[in-house]
N, C-alpha and C. Protein backbone atom coordinates (compact mmCIF):
# COMPACT_ATOMS: atom_id res chain seq x y z
N MET A 1 -6.63 9.26 2.80
CA MET A 1 -7.06 8.43 1.70
C MET A 1 -7.16 6.99 2.21
N GLU A 2 -8.29 6.37 2.01
CA GLU A 2 -8.46 4.96 2.39
C GLU A 2 -7.85 4.08 1.32
N PRO A 3 -7.11 3.07 1.74
CA PRO A 3 -6.55 2.17 0.74
C PRO A 3 -7.61 1.22 0.18
N TRP A 4 -7.59 0.97 -1.05
CA TRP A 4 -8.39 -0.08 -1.67
C TRP A 4 -7.73 -0.42 -2.99
N GLY A 5 -8.13 -1.52 -3.57
CA GLY A 5 -7.49 -1.98 -4.79
C GLY A 5 -6.34 -2.92 -4.45
N ASN A 6 -5.56 -3.22 -5.44
CA ASN A 6 -4.40 -4.10 -5.31
C ASN A 6 -3.16 -3.21 -5.23
N ASN A 7 -2.73 -2.89 -4.01
CA ASN A 7 -1.56 -2.04 -3.83
C ASN A 7 -0.97 -2.30 -2.45
N VAL A 8 0.20 -1.75 -2.20
CA VAL A 8 0.91 -2.05 -0.96
C VAL A 8 0.16 -1.53 0.27
N ALA A 9 -0.50 -0.39 0.18
CA ALA A 9 -1.24 0.13 1.34
C ALA A 9 -2.39 -0.79 1.71
N THR A 10 -3.08 -1.34 0.72
CA THR A 10 -4.18 -2.27 1.00
C THR A 10 -3.64 -3.53 1.68
N LEU A 11 -2.50 -4.03 1.21
CA LEU A 11 -1.91 -5.22 1.84
C LEU A 11 -1.60 -4.95 3.32
N VAL A 12 -1.02 -3.80 3.62
CA VAL A 12 -0.71 -3.46 5.01
C VAL A 12 -2.00 -3.32 5.81
N PHE A 13 -2.99 -2.62 5.26
CA PHE A 13 -4.26 -2.40 5.94
C PHE A 13 -4.96 -3.72 6.25
N GLU A 14 -4.96 -4.64 5.28
CA GLU A 14 -5.68 -5.91 5.46
C GLU A 14 -4.95 -6.88 6.39
N THR A 15 -3.61 -6.85 6.40
CA THR A 15 -2.85 -7.83 7.18
C THR A 15 -2.29 -7.28 8.48
N GLY A 16 -2.11 -5.96 8.56
CA GLY A 16 -1.46 -5.37 9.73
C GLY A 16 0.02 -5.67 9.80
N ARG A 17 0.58 -6.10 8.67
CA ARG A 17 2.00 -6.47 8.61
C ARG A 17 2.70 -5.69 7.50
N PRO A 18 4.04 -5.60 7.56
CA PRO A 18 4.77 -4.97 6.46
C PRO A 18 4.50 -5.71 5.15
N ALA A 19 4.56 -4.98 4.04
CA ALA A 19 4.29 -5.58 2.74
C ALA A 19 5.21 -4.98 1.68
N ARG A 20 5.39 -5.72 0.60
CA ARG A 20 6.22 -5.28 -0.53
C ARG A 20 5.57 -5.75 -1.82
N ILE A 21 5.62 -4.91 -2.84
CA ILE A 21 5.23 -5.33 -4.18
C ILE A 21 6.42 -5.08 -5.10
N GLU A 22 6.57 -5.94 -6.07
CA GLU A 22 7.73 -5.84 -6.97
C GLU A 22 7.57 -4.73 -8.00
N SER A 23 6.32 -4.42 -8.38
CA SER A 23 6.10 -3.32 -9.31
C SER A 23 4.64 -2.88 -9.21
N PHE A 24 4.38 -1.73 -9.76
CA PHE A 24 3.03 -1.20 -9.77
C PHE A 24 2.30 -1.59 -11.06
N ALA A 25 2.88 -2.49 -11.85
CA ALA A 25 2.27 -2.90 -13.12
C ALA A 25 0.88 -3.49 -12.90
N ASP A 26 0.68 -4.25 -11.82
CA ASP A 26 -0.62 -4.86 -11.54
C ASP A 26 -1.38 -4.14 -10.45
N ALA A 27 -0.87 -3.01 -9.96
CA ALA A 27 -1.52 -2.27 -8.88
C ALA A 27 -2.79 -1.61 -9.39
N SER A 28 -3.76 -1.43 -8.49
CA SER A 28 -5.01 -0.78 -8.85
C SER A 28 -5.45 0.15 -7.72
N GLY A 29 -6.54 0.83 -7.93
CA GLY A 29 -7.04 1.80 -6.96
C GLY A 29 -6.30 3.11 -7.10
N PRO A 30 -6.65 4.11 -6.29
CA PRO A 30 -6.02 5.42 -6.40
C PRO A 30 -4.50 5.39 -6.24
N LEU A 31 -3.99 4.58 -5.30
CA LEU A 31 -2.54 4.51 -5.13
C LEU A 31 -1.88 3.81 -6.31
N GLY A 32 -2.54 2.81 -6.86
CA GLY A 32 -2.03 2.15 -8.06
C GLY A 32 -1.98 3.10 -9.24
N ASP A 33 -3.02 3.93 -9.38
CA ASP A 33 -3.05 4.92 -10.46
C ASP A 33 -1.88 5.89 -10.35
N ILE A 34 -1.61 6.36 -9.14
CA ILE A 34 -0.48 7.27 -8.94
C ILE A 34 0.83 6.57 -9.29
N GLY A 35 0.97 5.31 -8.86
CA GLY A 35 2.17 4.55 -9.18
C GLY A 35 2.38 4.40 -10.67
N HIS A 36 1.29 4.16 -11.41
CA HIS A 36 1.39 4.05 -12.87
C HIS A 36 1.81 5.39 -13.48
N GLU A 37 1.14 6.46 -13.07
CA GLU A 37 1.41 7.78 -13.63
C GLU A 37 2.83 8.25 -13.37
N GLU A 38 3.34 7.96 -12.19
CA GLU A 38 4.68 8.42 -11.80
C GLU A 38 5.78 7.43 -12.17
N GLY A 39 5.41 6.25 -12.66
CA GLY A 39 6.40 5.26 -13.06
C GLY A 39 7.11 4.60 -11.89
N PHE A 40 6.41 4.40 -10.77
CA PHE A 40 7.02 3.78 -9.60
C PHE A 40 7.48 2.36 -9.91
N GLY A 41 8.54 1.93 -9.26
CA GLY A 41 9.03 0.56 -9.34
C GLY A 41 8.49 -0.23 -8.17
N PRO A 42 9.34 -0.95 -7.45
CA PRO A 42 8.89 -1.70 -6.27
C PRO A 42 8.36 -0.74 -5.19
N GLY A 43 7.49 -1.28 -4.34
CA GLY A 43 6.94 -0.48 -3.25
C GLY A 43 6.94 -1.26 -1.95
N VAL A 44 7.13 -0.56 -0.86
CA VAL A 44 7.09 -1.18 0.47
C VAL A 44 6.21 -0.34 1.38
N GLY A 45 5.64 -0.99 2.38
CA GLY A 45 4.84 -0.29 3.37
C GLY A 45 4.94 -1.02 4.70
N THR A 46 4.79 -0.29 5.77
CA THR A 46 4.82 -0.88 7.10
C THR A 46 3.70 -0.27 7.93
N PRO A 47 3.09 -1.06 8.80
CA PRO A 47 2.00 -0.50 9.60
C PRO A 47 2.51 0.50 10.63
N VAL A 48 1.70 1.51 10.90
CA VAL A 48 1.94 2.44 11.98
C VAL A 48 0.91 2.10 13.05
N ILE A 49 1.39 1.67 14.21
CA ILE A 49 0.51 1.24 15.29
C ILE A 49 0.52 2.31 16.39
N VAL A 50 -0.66 2.80 16.76
CA VAL A 50 -0.79 3.78 17.83
C VAL A 50 -1.77 3.22 18.86
N GLU A 51 -1.32 3.14 20.10
CA GLU A 51 -2.12 2.58 21.19
C GLU A 51 -2.75 1.23 20.82
N GLY A 52 -1.94 0.39 20.14
CA GLY A 52 -2.36 -0.95 19.80
C GLY A 52 -3.26 -1.08 18.60
N ARG A 53 -3.54 0.03 17.91
CA ARG A 53 -4.42 -0.03 16.75
C ARG A 53 -3.69 0.45 15.50
N LEU A 54 -4.04 -0.14 14.35
CA LEU A 54 -3.47 0.30 13.08
C LEU A 54 -3.94 1.71 12.79
N TRP A 55 -2.99 2.60 12.62
CA TRP A 55 -3.31 4.00 12.40
C TRP A 55 -3.07 4.39 10.94
N GLY A 56 -2.11 3.77 10.30
CA GLY A 56 -1.79 4.10 8.92
C GLY A 56 -0.62 3.26 8.45
N CYS A 57 -0.11 3.63 7.27
CA CYS A 57 1.07 2.92 6.75
C CYS A 57 1.93 3.88 5.98
């Protein structure tokens, strides 16, 4: 799944750095939708780097 919208995966993808959001209340995109449906609280993500390239989070 490609990250897009306002969510922690998009922040990691765009910056290549670890990211945190305080809540999914303002999150959007497919990951934001899941966060809303499941009632997620704060979220964190960290980049996974393989051979010097961002591979995922």
